[in-house]
Amino acid sequence: MNFDCREEYKLKKYMPDKSSLNNMTAFFYAFSDDTRLKIIILLSIKPLCVGDITNVLAINQTTISHQLKILKAHNIVSCDRAGKNVIYYIKNPQIENVLNAIVECI
């Protein structure tokens, strides 16, 4: 299909800038690992500490902590201290919409 220059210009103006594209890529990167995705799903149900996530997923604590660090760096999760425990939760409530959209797409 051929486009004239005016149509091509219209298409280009809707393309995100480099910074936005980088942010989008980083956001989707957070969902690209099975363990991170499982953690996101768990935390979308309920805030949990590392020990709880470790028990549910049957994955060692070091791996869970590493993946949580990545999720925090990408602003997917955040945490609060509750005594000796650190409770992780989904930072943006729109993440649930993203999960639902993924399920609908597949």
PDB file of N, CA and C in Angstrom:
ATOM      1  N   MET A   1       0.846  -1.166   0.000  1.00  0.00           N
ATOM      2  CA  MET A   1       0.000   0.000   0.000  1.00  0.00           C
ATOM      3  C   MET A   1       0.897   1.235   0.000  1.00  0.00           C
ATOM      4  N   ASN A   2       0.623   2.169  -0.856  1.00  0.00           N
ATOM      5  CA  ASN A   2       1.404   3.396  -0.958  1.00  0.00           C
ATOM      6  C   ASN A   2       0.714   4.530  -0.216  1.00  0.00           C
ATOM      7  N   PHE A   3       1.527   5.341   0.414  1.00  0.00           N
ATOM      8  CA  PHE A   3       1.025   6.509   1.109  1.00  0.00           C
ATOM      9  C   PHE A   3       1.592   7.744   0.435  1.00  0.00           C
ATOM     10  N   ASP A   4       0.804   8.789   0.389  1.00  0.00           N
ATOM     11  CA  ASP A   4       1.395  10.032  -0.072  1.00  0.00           C
ATOM     12  C   ASP A   4       2.103  10.685   1.106  1.00  0.00           C
ATOM     13  N   CYS A   5       2.868  11.698   0.847  1.00  0.00           N
ATOM     14  CA  CYS A   5       3.698  12.333   1.883  1.00  0.00           C
ATOM     15  C   CYS A   5       2.880  12.861   3.049  1.00  0.00           C
ATOM     16  N   ARG A   6       1.698  13.379   2.763  1.00  0.00           N
ATOM     17  CA  ARG A   6       0.872  13.915   3.848  1.00  0.00           C
ATOM     18  C   ARG A   6       0.458  12.809   4.813  1.00  0.00           C
ATOM     19  N   GLU A   7       0.110  11.650   4.279  1.00  0.00           N
ATOM     20  CA  GLU A   7      -0.282  10.535   5.144  1.00  0.00           C
ATOM     21  C   GLU A   7       0.908  10.038   5.949  1.00  0.00           C
ATOM     22  N   GLU A   8       2.069   9.970   5.316  1.00  0.00           N
ATOM     23  CA  GLU A   8       3.271   9.531   6.024  1.00  0.00           C
ATOM     24  C   GLU A   8       3.592  10.491   7.172  1.00  0.00           C
ATOM     25  N   TYR A   9       3.460  11.782   6.935  1.00  0.00           N
ATOM     26  CA  TYR A   9       3.696  12.772   7.987  1.00  0.00           C
ATOM     27  C   TYR A   9       2.724  12.569   9.141  1.00  0.00           C
ATOM     28  N   LYS A  10       1.470  12.324   8.819  1.00  0.00           N
ATOM     29  CA  LYS A  10       0.470  12.095   9.862  1.00  0.00           C
ATOM     30  C   LYS A  10       0.823  10.883  10.706  1.00  0.00           C
ATOM     31  N   LEU A  11       1.306   9.830  10.056  1.00  0.00           N
ATOM     32  CA  LEU A  11       1.701   8.630  10.798  1.00  0.00           C
ATOM     33  C   LEU A  11       2.899   8.912  11.696  1.00  0.00           C
ATOM     34  N   LYS A  12       3.891   9.600  11.170  1.00  0.00           N
ATOM     35  CA  LYS A  12       5.115   9.871  11.935  1.00  0.00           C
ATOM     36  C   LYS A  12       4.850  10.718  13.172  1.00  0.00           C
ATOM     37  N   LYS A  13       3.889  11.640  13.089  1.00  0.00           N
ATOM     38  CA  LYS A  13       3.663  12.516  14.240  1.00  0.00           C
ATOM     39  C   LYS A  13       3.056  11.771  15.427  1.00  0.00           C
ATOM     40  N   TYR A  14       2.510  10.587  15.183  1.00  0.00           N
ATOM     41  CA  TYR A  14       1.949   9.790  16.274  1.00  0.00           C
ATOM     42  C   TYR A  14       2.952   8.809  16.883  1.00  0.00           C
ATOM     43  N   MET A  15       4.124   8.724  16.291  1.00  0.00           N
ATOM     44  CA  MET A  15       5.156   7.847  16.839  1.00  0.00           C
ATOM     45  C   MET A  15       5.732   8.472  18.110  1.00  0.00           C
ATOM     46  N   PRO A  16       5.920   7.660  19.160  1.00  0.00           N
ATOM     47  CA  PRO A  16       6.502   8.196  20.402  1.00  0.00           C
ATOM     48  C   PRO A  16       7.943   8.649  20.183  1.00  0.00           C
ATOM     49  N   ASP A  17       8.382   9.602  20.992  1.00  0.00           N
ATOM     50  CA  ASP A  17       9.774  10.035  20.910  1.00  0.00           C
ATOM     51  C   ASP A  17      10.685   8.968  21.512  1.00  0.00           C
ATOM     52  N   LYS A  18      11.971   9.152  21.366  1.00  0.00           N
ATOM     53  CA  LYS A  18      12.967   8.160  21.792  1.00  0.00           C
ATOM     54  C   LYS A  18      12.848   7.851  23.287  1.00  0.00           C
ATOM     55  N   SER A  19      12.667   8.869  24.094  1.00  0.00           N
ATOM     56  CA  SER A  19      12.549   8.668  25.543  1.00  0.00           C
ATOM     57  C   SER A  19      11.321   7.823  25.887  1.00  0.00           C
ATOM     58  N   SER A  20      10.205   8.134  25.257  1.00  0.00           N
ATOM     59  CA  SER A  20       8.980   7.358  25.503  1.00  0.00           C
ATOM     60  C   SER A  20       9.145   5.922  25.050  1.00  0.00           C
ATOM     61  N   LEU A  21       9.789   5.728  23.896  1.00  0.00           N
ATOM     62  CA  LEU A  21      10.034   4.361  23.417  1.00  0.00           C
ATOM     63  C   LEU A  21      10.922   3.588  24.384  1.00  0.00           C
ATOM     64  N   ASN A  22      11.944   4.249  24.920  1.00  0.00           N
ATOM     65  CA  ASN A  22      12.824   3.592  25.896  1.00  0.00           C
ATOM     66  C   ASN A  22      12.049   3.198  27.149  1.00  0.00           C
ATOM     67  N   ASN A  23      11.162   4.089  27.610  1.00  0.00           N
ATOM     68  CA  ASN A  23      10.346   3.783  28.781  1.00  0.00           C
ATOM     69  C   ASN A  23       9.401   2.616  28.509  1.00  0.00           C
ATOM     70  N   MET A  24       8.831   2.578  27.321  1.00  0.00           N
ATOM     71  CA  MET A  24       7.936   1.483  26.956  1.00  0.00           C
ATOM     72  C   MET A  24       8.695   0.157  26.897  1.00  0.00           C
ATOM     73  N   THR A  25       9.875   0.186  26.303  1.00  0.00           N
ATOM     74  CA  THR A  25      10.699  -1.021  26.218  1.00  0.00           C
ATOM     75  C   THR A  25      11.056  -1.527  27.611  1.00  0.00           C
ATOM     76  N   ALA A  26      11.440  -0.621  28.492  1.00  0.00           N
ATOM     77  CA  ALA A  26      11.784  -1.001  29.865  1.00  0.00           C
ATOM     78  C   ALA A  26      10.570  -1.576  30.592  1.00  0.00           C
ATOM     79  N   PHE A  27       9.405  -0.990  30.370  1.00  0.00           N
ATOM     80  CA  PHE A  27       8.189  -1.482  30.998  1.00  0.00           C
ATOM     81  C   PHE A  27       7.895  -2.915  30.561  1.00  0.00           C
ATOM     82  N   PHE A  28       7.939  -3.164  29.261  1.00  0.00           N
ATOM     83  CA  PHE A  28       7.655  -4.507  28.764  1.00  0.00           C
ATOM     84  C   PHE A  28       8.748  -5.506  29.134  1.00  0.00           C
ATOM     85  N   TYR A  29       9.979  -5.018  29.307  1.00  0.00           N
ATOM     86  CA  TYR A  29      11.061  -5.891  29.763  1.00  0.00           C
ATOM     87  C   TYR A  29      10.701  -6.524  31.110  1.00  0.00           C
ATOM     88  N   ALA A  30      10.070  -5.768  31.968  1.00  0.00           N
ATOM     89  CA  ALA A  30       9.698  -6.272  33.292  1.00  0.00           C
ATOM     90  C   ALA A  30       8.769  -7.473  33.197  1.00  0.00           C
ATOM     91  N   PHE A  31       7.983  -7.550  32.147  1.00  0.00           N
ATOM     92  CA  PHE A  31       7.028  -8.645  31.952  1.00  0.00           C
ATOM     93  C   PHE A  31       7.626  -9.806  31.155  1.00  0.00           C
ATOM     94  N   SER A  32       8.865  -9.669  30.704  1.00  0.00           N
ATOM     95  CA  SER A  32       9.431 -10.639  29.764  1.00  0.00           C
ATOM     96  C   SER A  32      10.076 -11.859  30.414  1.00  0.00           C
ATOM     97  N   ASP A  33      10.111 -11.910  31.719  1.00  0.00           N
ATOM     98  CA  ASP A  33      10.715 -13.037  32.426  1.00  0.00           C
ATOM     99  C   ASP A  33       9.622 -13.773  33.203  1.00  0.00           C
ATOM    100  N   ASP A  34       9.626 -15.117  33.122  1.00  0.00           N
ATOM    101  CA  ASP A  34       8.598 -15.925  33.799  1.00  0.00           C
ATOM    102  C   ASP A  34       8.514 -15.631  35.292  1.00  0.00           C
ATOM    103  N   THR A  35       9.652 -15.557  35.946  1.00  0.00           N
ATOM    104  CA  THR A  35       9.648 -15.327  37.389  1.00  0.00           C
ATOM    105  C   THR A  35       9.103 -13.947  37.719  1.00  0.00           C
ATOM    106  N   ARG A  36       9.545 -12.935  36.981  1.00  0.00           N
ATOM    107  CA  ARG A  36       9.019 -11.585  37.231  1.00  0.00           C
ATOM    108  C   ARG A  36       7.521 -11.535  36.986  1.00  0.00           C
ATOM    109  N   LEU A  37       7.071 -12.179  35.930  1.00  0.00           N
ATOM    110  CA  LEU A  37       5.639 -12.178  35.636  1.00  0.00           C
ATOM    111  C   LEU A  37       4.849 -12.869  36.746  1.00  0.00           C
ATOM    112  N   LYS A  38       5.369 -13.971  37.264  1.00  0.00           N
ATOM    113  CA  LYS A  38       4.707 -14.646  38.383  1.00  0.00           C
ATOM    114  C   LYS A  38       4.637 -13.739  39.610  1.00  0.00           C
ATOM    115  N   ILE A  39       5.716 -13.019  39.869  1.00  0.00           N
ATOM    116  CA  ILE A  39       5.747 -12.096  41.005  1.00  0.00           C
ATOM    117  C   ILE A  39       4.716 -10.981  40.802  1.00  0.00           C
ATOM    118  N   ILE A  40       4.660 -10.431  39.601  1.00  0.00           N
ATOM    119  CA  ILE A  40       3.686  -9.381  39.300  1.00  0.00           C
ATOM    120  C   ILE A  40       2.270  -9.894  39.531  1.00  0.00           C
ATOM    121  N   ILE A  41       1.991 -11.100  39.056  1.00  0.00           N
ATOM    122  CA  ILE A  41       0.657 -11.681  39.230  1.00  0.00           C
ATOM    123  C   ILE A  41       0.345 -11.851  40.717  1.00  0.00           C
ATOM    124  N   LEU A  42       1.291 -12.415  41.470  1.00  0.00           N
ATOM    125  CA  LEU A  42       1.066 -12.594  42.912  1.00  0.00           C
ATOM    126  C   LEU A  42       0.792 -11.257  43.603  1.00  0.00           C
ATOM    127  N   LEU A  43       1.624 -10.267  43.298  1.00  0.00           N
ATOM    128  CA  LEU A  43       1.478  -8.981  43.975  1.00  0.00           C
ATOM    129  C   LEU A  43       0.236  -8.222  43.510  1.00  0.00           C
ATOM    130  N   SER A  44      -0.286  -8.581  42.353  1.00  0.00           N
ATOM    131  CA  SER A  44      -1.540  -7.950  41.926  1.00  0.00           C
ATOM    132  C   SER A  44      -2.713  -8.501  42.726  1.00  0.00           C
ATOM    133  N   ILE A  45      -2.508  -9.666  43.333  1.00  0.00           N
ATOM    134  CA  ILE A  45      -3.533 -10.270  44.182  1.00  0.00           C
ATOM    135  C   ILE A  45      -3.439  -9.723  45.604  1.00  0.00           C
ATOM    136  N   LYS A  46      -2.181  -9.609  46.091  1.00  0.00           N
ATOM    137  CA  LYS A  46      -1.994  -9.238  47.493  1.00  0.00           C
ATOM    138  C   LYS A  46      -0.551  -8.810  47.726  1.00  0.00           C
ATOM    139  N   PRO A  47      -0.309  -7.773  48.526  1.00  0.00           N
ATOM    140  CA  PRO A  47       1.063  -7.426  48.907  1.00  0.00           C
ATOM    141  C   PRO A  47       1.684  -8.582  49.707  1.00  0.00           C
ATOM    142  N   LEU A  48       2.951  -8.858  49.439  1.00  0.00           N
ATOM    143  CA  LEU A  48       3.633  -9.985  50.078  1.00  0.00           C
ATOM    144  C   LEU A  48       5.077  -9.640  50.402  1.00  0.00           C
ATOM    145  N   CYS A  49       5.639 -10.369  51.374  1.00  0.00           N
ATOM    146  CA  CYS A  49       7.060 -10.250  51.663  1.00  0.00           C
ATOM    147  C   CYS A  49       7.823 -11.283  50.824  1.00  0.00           C
ATOM    148  N   VAL A  50       9.129 -11.137  50.777  1.00  0.00           N
ATOM    149  CA  VAL A  50       9.965 -12.042  49.973  1.00  0.00           C
ATOM    150  C   VAL A  50       9.752 -13.495  50.385  1.00  0.00           C
ATOM    151  N   GLY A  51       9.665 -13.748  51.688  1.00  0.00           N
ATOM    152  CA  GLY A  51       9.469 -15.118  52.170  1.00  0.00           C
ATOM    153  C   GLY A  51       8.190 -15.749  51.656  1.00  0.00           C
ATOM    154  N   ASP A  52       7.118 -14.962  51.647  1.00  0.00           N
ATOM    155  CA  ASP A  52       5.840 -15.475  51.126  1.00  0.00           C
ATOM    156  C   ASP A  52       5.941 -15.786  49.635  1.00  0.00           C
ATOM    157  N   ILE A  53       6.560 -14.882  48.883  1.00  0.00           N
ATOM    158  CA  ILE A  53       6.712 -15.101  47.443  1.00  0.00           C
ATOM    159  C   ILE A  53       7.569 -16.345  47.197  1.00  0.00           C
ATOM    160  N   THR A  54       8.635 -16.480  47.976  1.00  0.00           N
ATOM    161  CA  THR A  54       9.519 -17.650  47.869  1.00  0.00           C
ATOM    162  C   THR A  54       8.749 -18.938  48.116  1.00  0.00           C
ATOM    163  N   ASN A  55       7.919 -18.950  49.147  1.00  0.00           N
ATOM    164  CA  ASN A  55       7.151 -20.153  49.474  1.00  0.00           C
ATOM    165  C   ASN A  55       6.132 -20.497  48.393  1.00  0.00           C
ATOM    166  N   VAL A  56       5.421 -19.499  47.888  1.00  0.00           N
ATOM    167  CA  VAL A  56       4.395 -19.758  46.884  1.00  0.00           C
ATOM    168  C   VAL A  56       5.016 -20.241  45.574  1.00  0.00           C
ATOM    169  N   LEU A  57       6.105 -19.599  45.149  1.00  0.00           N
ATOM    170  CA  LEU A  57       6.708 -19.942  43.857  1.00  0.00           C
ATOM    171  C   LEU A  57       7.737 -21.064  43.935  1.00  0.00           C
ATOM    172  N   ALA A  58       8.122 -21.423  45.159  1.00  0.00           N
ATOM    173  CA  ALA A  58       9.138 -22.465  45.360  1.00  0.00           C
ATOM    174  C   ALA A  58      10.415 -22.139  44.579  1.00  0.00           C
ATOM    175  N   ILE A  59      10.835 -20.881  44.708  1.00  0.00           N
ATOM    176  CA  ILE A  59      12.064 -20.391  44.095  1.00  0.00           C
ATOM    177  C   ILE A  59      12.909 -19.797  45.207  1.00  0.00           C
ATOM    178  N   ASN A  60      14.238 -19.926  45.108  1.00  0.00           N
ATOM    179  CA  ASN A  60      15.071 -19.460  46.215  1.00  0.00           C
ATOM    180  C   ASN A  60      14.972 -17.950  46.419  1.00  0.00           C
ATOM    181  N   GLN A  61      15.222 -17.546  47.634  1.00  0.00           N
ATOM    182  CA  GLN A  61      15.041 -16.159  48.051  1.00  0.00           C
ATOM    183  C   GLN A  61      15.953 -15.204  47.287  1.00  0.00           C
ATOM    184  N   THR A  62      17.152 -15.631  46.967  1.00  0.00           N
ATOM    185  CA  THR A  62      18.081 -14.782  46.220  1.00  0.00           C
ATOM    186  C   THR A  62      17.509 -14.417  44.853  1.00  0.00           C
ATOM    187  N   THR A  63      16.932 -15.395  44.181  1.00  0.00           N
ATOM    188  CA  THR A  63      16.331 -15.149  42.867  1.00  0.00           C
ATOM    189  C   THR A  63      15.152 -14.194  42.984  1.00  0.00           C
ATOM    190  N   ILE A  64      14.303 -14.422  43.965  1.00  0.00           N
ATOM    191  CA  ILE A  64      13.136 -13.551  44.166  1.00  0.00           C
ATOM    192  C   ILE A  64      13.596 -12.124  44.456  1.00  0.00           C
ATOM    193  N   SER A  65      14.565 -11.971  45.340  1.00  0.00           N
ATOM    194  CA  SER A  65      15.071 -10.636  45.677  1.00  0.00           C
ATOM    195  C   SER A  65      15.658  -9.938  44.452  1.00  0.00           C
ATOM    196  N   HIS A  66      16.394 -10.680  43.632  1.00  0.00           N
ATOM    197  CA  HIS A  66      16.974 -10.117  42.409  1.00  0.00           C
ATOM    198  C   HIS A  66      15.876  -9.633  41.460  1.00  0.00           C
ATOM    199  N   GLN A  67      14.853 -10.447  41.280  1.00  0.00           N
ATOM    200  CA  GLN A  67      13.762 -10.077  40.372  1.00  0.00           C
ATOM    201  C   GLN A  67      12.963  -8.899  40.923  1.00  0.00           C
ATOM    202  N   LEU A  68      12.775  -8.846  42.228  1.00  0.00           N
ATOM    203  CA  LEU A  68      12.087  -7.709  42.840  1.00  0.00           C
ATOM    204  C   LEU A  68      12.891  -6.419  42.650  1.00  0.00           C
ATOM    205  N   LYS A  69      14.203  -6.523  42.718  1.00  0.00           N
ATOM    206  CA  LYS A  69      15.055  -5.352  42.487  1.00  0.00           C
ATOM    207  C   LYS A  69      14.848  -4.820  41.070  1.00  0.00           C
ATOM    208  N   ILE A  70      14.751  -5.715  40.096  1.00  0.00           N
ATOM    209  CA  ILE A  70      14.499  -5.302  38.711  1.00  0.00           C
ATOM    210  C   ILE A  70      13.120  -4.658  38.595  1.00  0.00           C
ATOM    211  N   LEU A  71      12.124  -5.271  39.215  1.00  0.00           N
ATOM    212  CA  LEU A  71      10.766  -4.727  39.159  1.00  0.00           C
ATOM    213  C   LEU A  71      10.686  -3.349  39.827  1.00  0.00           C
ATOM    214  N   LYS A  72      11.426  -3.168  40.911  1.00  0.00           N
ATOM    215  CA  LYS A  72      11.470  -1.857  41.561  1.00  0.00           C
ATOM    216  C   LYS A  72      12.138  -0.830  40.656  1.00  0.00           C
ATOM    217  N   ALA A  73      13.221  -1.227  40.004  1.00  0.00           N
ATOM    218  CA  ALA A  73      13.949  -0.318  39.119  1.00  0.00           C
ATOM    219  C   ALA A  73      13.085   0.139  37.949  1.00  0.00           C
ATOM    220  N   HIS A  74      12.135  -0.697  37.550  1.00  0.00           N
ATOM    221  CA  HIS A  74      11.249  -0.360  36.437  1.00  0.00           C
ATOM    222  C   HIS A  74       9.904   0.202  36.918  1.00  0.00           C
ATOM    223  N   ASN A  75       9.851   0.561  38.194  1.00  0.00           N
ATOM    224  CA  ASN A  75       8.662   1.193  38.800  1.00  0.00           C
ATOM    225  C   ASN A  75       7.397   0.350  38.694  1.00  0.00           C
ATOM    226  N   ILE A  76       7.561  -0.964  38.710  1.00  0.00           N
ATOM    227  CA  ILE A  76       6.409  -1.866  38.698  1.00  0.00           C
ATOM    228  C   ILE A  76       5.971  -2.151  40.124  1.00  0.00           C
ATOM    229  N   VAL A  77       6.943  -2.365  41.026  1.00  0.00           N
ATOM    230  CA  VAL A  77       6.623  -2.634  42.423  1.00  0.00           C
ATOM    231  C   VAL A  77       7.304  -1.610  43.324  1.00  0.00           C
ATOM    232  N   SER A  78       6.789  -1.530  44.528  1.00  0.00           N
ATOM    233  CA  SER A  78       7.393  -0.724  45.572  1.00  0.00           C
ATOM    234  C   SER A  78       7.295  -1.538  46.861  1.00  0.00           C
ATOM    235  N   CYS A  79       7.819  -1.005  47.948  1.00  0.00           N
ATOM    236  CA  CYS A  79       7.772  -1.758  49.198  1.00  0.00           C
ATOM    237  C   CYS A  79       7.682  -0.833  50.394  1.00  0.00           C
ATOM    238  N   ASP A  80       7.201  -1.399  51.484  1.00  0.00           N
ATOM    239  CA  ASP A  80       7.140  -0.730  52.783  1.00  0.00           C
ATOM    240  C   ASP A  80       7.678  -1.696  53.823  1.00  0.00           C
ATOM    241  N   ARG A  81       8.325  -1.145  54.825  1.00  0.00           N
ATOM    242  CA  ARG A  81       8.829  -1.967  55.921  1.00  0.00           C
ATOM    243  C   ARG A  81       7.735  -2.128  56.957  1.00  0.00           C
ATOM    244  N   ALA A  82       7.541  -3.381  57.407  1.00  0.00           N
ATOM    245  CA  ALA A  82       6.588  -3.697  58.475  1.00  0.00           C
ATOM    246  C   ALA A  82       7.352  -4.506  59.513  1.00  0.00           C
ATOM    247  N   GLY A  83       7.949  -3.809  60.468  1.00  0.00           N
ATOM    248  CA  GLY A  83       8.801  -4.487  61.444  1.00  0.00           C
ATOM    249  C   GLY A  83      10.050  -5.003  60.759  1.00  0.00           C
ATOM    250  N   LYS A  84      10.300  -6.299  60.864  1.00  0.00           N
ATOM    251  CA  LYS A  84      11.465  -6.906  60.218  1.00  0.00           C
ATOM    252  C   LYS A  84      11.198  -7.265  58.761  1.00  0.00           C
ATOM    253  N   ASN A  85       9.942  -7.269  58.371  1.00  0.00           N
ATOM    254  CA  ASN A  85       9.577  -7.656  57.005  1.00  0.00           C
ATOM    255  C   ASN A  85       9.494  -6.454  56.079  1.00  0.00           C
ATOM    256  N   VAL A  86       9.817  -6.715  54.813  1.00  0.00           N
ATOM    257  CA  VAL A  86       9.624  -5.733  53.754  1.00  0.00           C
ATOM    258  C   VAL A  86       8.483  -6.274  52.902  1.00  0.00           C
ATOM    259  N   ILE A  87       7.416  -5.497  52.823  1.00  0.00           N
ATOM    260  CA  ILE A  87       6.223  -5.913  52.090  1.00  0.00           C
ATOM    261  C   ILE A  87       6.235  -5.252  50.711  1.00  0.00           C
ATOM    262  N   TYR A  88       6.175  -6.077  49.682  1.00  0.00           N
ATOM    263  CA  TYR A  88       6.169  -5.592  48.304  1.00  0.00           C
ATOM    264  C   TYR A  88       4.741  -5.528  47.783  1.00  0.00           C
ATOM    265  N   TYR A  89       4.499  -4.550  46.943  1.00  0.00           N
ATOM    266  CA  TYR A  89       3.172  -4.376  46.361  1.00  0.00           C
ATOM    267  C   TYR A  89       3.315  -3.743  44.977  1.00  0.00           C
ATOM    268  N   ILE A  90       2.264  -3.860  44.185  1.00  0.00           N
ATOM    269  CA  ILE A  90       2.247  -3.250  42.861  1.00  0.00           C
ATOM    270  C   ILE A  90       2.153  -1.736  43.043  1.00  0.00           C
ATOM    271  N   LYS A  91       3.061  -1.018  42.426  1.00  0.00           N
ATOM    272  CA  LYS A  91       3.144   0.432  42.606  1.00  0.00           C
ATOM    273  C   LYS A  91       2.013   1.163  41.876  1.00  0.00           C
ATOM    274  N   ASN A  92       1.683   0.702  40.686  1.00  0.00           N
ATOM    275  CA  ASN A  92       0.668   1.375  39.875  1.00  0.00           C
ATOM    276  C   ASN A  92      -0.543   0.464  39.719  1.00  0.00           C
ATOM    277  N   PRO A  93      -1.701   0.891  40.180  1.00  0.00           N
ATOM    278  CA  PRO A  93      -2.894   0.039  40.085  1.00  0.00           C
ATOM    279  C   PRO A  93      -3.291  -0.292  38.640  1.00  0.00           C
ATOM    280  N   GLN A  94      -2.764   0.431  37.665  1.00  0.00           N
ATOM    281  CA  GLN A  94      -3.064   0.136  36.260  1.00  0.00           C
ATOM    282  C   GLN A  94      -2.408  -1.157  35.787  1.00  0.00           C
ATOM    283  N   ILE A  95      -1.482  -1.685  36.571  1.00  0.00           N
ATOM    284  CA  ILE A  95      -0.826  -2.947  36.203  1.00  0.00           C
ATOM    285  C   ILE A  95      -1.858  -4.060  36.051  1.00  0.00           C
ATOM    286  N   GLU A  96      -2.879  -4.050  36.876  1.00  0.00           N
ATOM    287  CA  GLU A  96      -3.933  -5.062  36.756  1.00  0.00           C
ATOM    288  C   GLU A  96      -4.603  -4.978  35.380  1.00  0.00           C
ATOM    289  N   ASN A  97      -4.799  -3.773  34.883  1.00  0.00           N
ATOM    290  CA  ASN A  97      -5.362  -3.612  33.540  1.00  0.00           C
ATOM    291  C   ASN A  97      -4.425  -4.173  32.479  1.00  0.00           C
ATOM    292  N   VAL A  98      -3.124  -3.984  32.680  1.00  0.00           N
ATOM    293  CA  VAL A  98      -2.142  -4.525  31.742  1.00  0.00           C
ATOM    294  C   VAL A  98      -2.227  -6.055  31.744  1.00  0.00           C
ATOM    295  N   LEU A  99      -2.284  -6.654  32.932  1.00  0.00           N
ATOM    296  CA  LEU A  99      -2.398  -8.114  33.026  1.00  0.00           C
ATOM    297  C   LEU A  99      -3.666  -8.612  32.336  1.00  0.00           C
ATOM    298  N   ASN A 100      -4.772  -7.923  32.574  1.00  0.00           N
ATOM    299  CA  ASN A 100      -6.025  -8.316  31.929  1.00  0.00           C
ATOM    300  C   ASN A 100      -5.933  -8.191  30.412  1.00  0.00           C
ATOM    301  N   ALA A 101      -5.296  -7.144  29.926  1.00  0.00           N
ATOM    302  CA  ALA A 101      -5.135  -6.953  28.484  1.00  0.00           C
ATOM    303  C   ALA A 101      -4.267  -8.064  27.886  1.00  0.00           C
ATOM    304  N   ILE A 102      -3.238  -8.476  28.605  1.00  0.00           N
ATOM    305  CA  ILE A 102      -2.392  -9.574  28.122  1.00  0.00           C
ATOM    306  C   ILE A 102      -3.204 -10.845  28.006  1.00  0.00           C
ATOM    307  N   VAL A 103      -3.983 -11.132  29.030  1.00  0.00           N
ATOM    308  CA  VAL A 103      -4.826 -12.351  29.007  1.00  0.00           C
ATOM    309  C   VAL A 103      -5.787 -12.298  27.834  1.00  0.00           C
ATOM    310  N   GLU A 104      -6.393 -11.151  27.580  1.00  0.00           N
ATOM    311  CA  GLU A 104      -7.339 -11.026  26.460  1.00  0.00           C
ATOM    312  C   GLU A 104      -6.640 -11.201  25.120  1.00  0.00           C
ATOM    313  N   CYS A 105      -5.404 -10.732  25.015  1.00  0.00           N
ATOM    314  CA  CYS A 105      -4.666 -10.846  23.762  1.00  0.00           C
ATOM    315  C   CYS A 105      -4.251 -12.276  23.439  1.00  0.00           C
ATOM    316  N   ILE A 106      -3.986 -13.046  24.465  1.00  0.00           N
ATOM    317  CA  ILE A 106      -3.532 -14.423  24.211  1.00  0.00           C
ATOM    318  C   ILE A 106      -4.708 -15.365  24.240  1.00  0.00           C
TER     319      ILE A 106
END
